[in-house]
Amino acid sequence: MTGEPAPLARVSDSAQPLSRPMFNSPATPDYDEVPDEPAPETSGAGVKSGVVLLGLLLCGGGIAGTMLGYQAAVQRGGGRYVIFTGPIVCGISMIIRACAAAGRG
């Protein structure tokens, strides 16, 4: 040990690659022989029925929960009940947004 740093290895042009390329294999695998059919074109217009349905369910559920809570309070002779404003407002908002998007579409 003379205290000198070890010499760096030189890379030569004849260096072997770490892995050999696989010949006779496609670059990208073909998973099916049948070509895909193009999707039918839609205009994007129309009310999003799923969003409207979810809005109706939220709004209706909020109103029904409020009514049930009120009826339970009345049967007890009074007291507190919960008004489900969150689901009612969110449901109405979803319905309005879906219908407005359909008008713009």
Foldseek 3Di string as FASTA:
>chain_A
DPPDDDDDDDDDPPDDDPDDDDPPDDPDDDPDDDDDDDDDDDPQADFPVVLLVQLVVLQVVQVVQQVVQVVVQVVVVHDDGDRSPPSNVVSVVSNVVRVVSNVVD
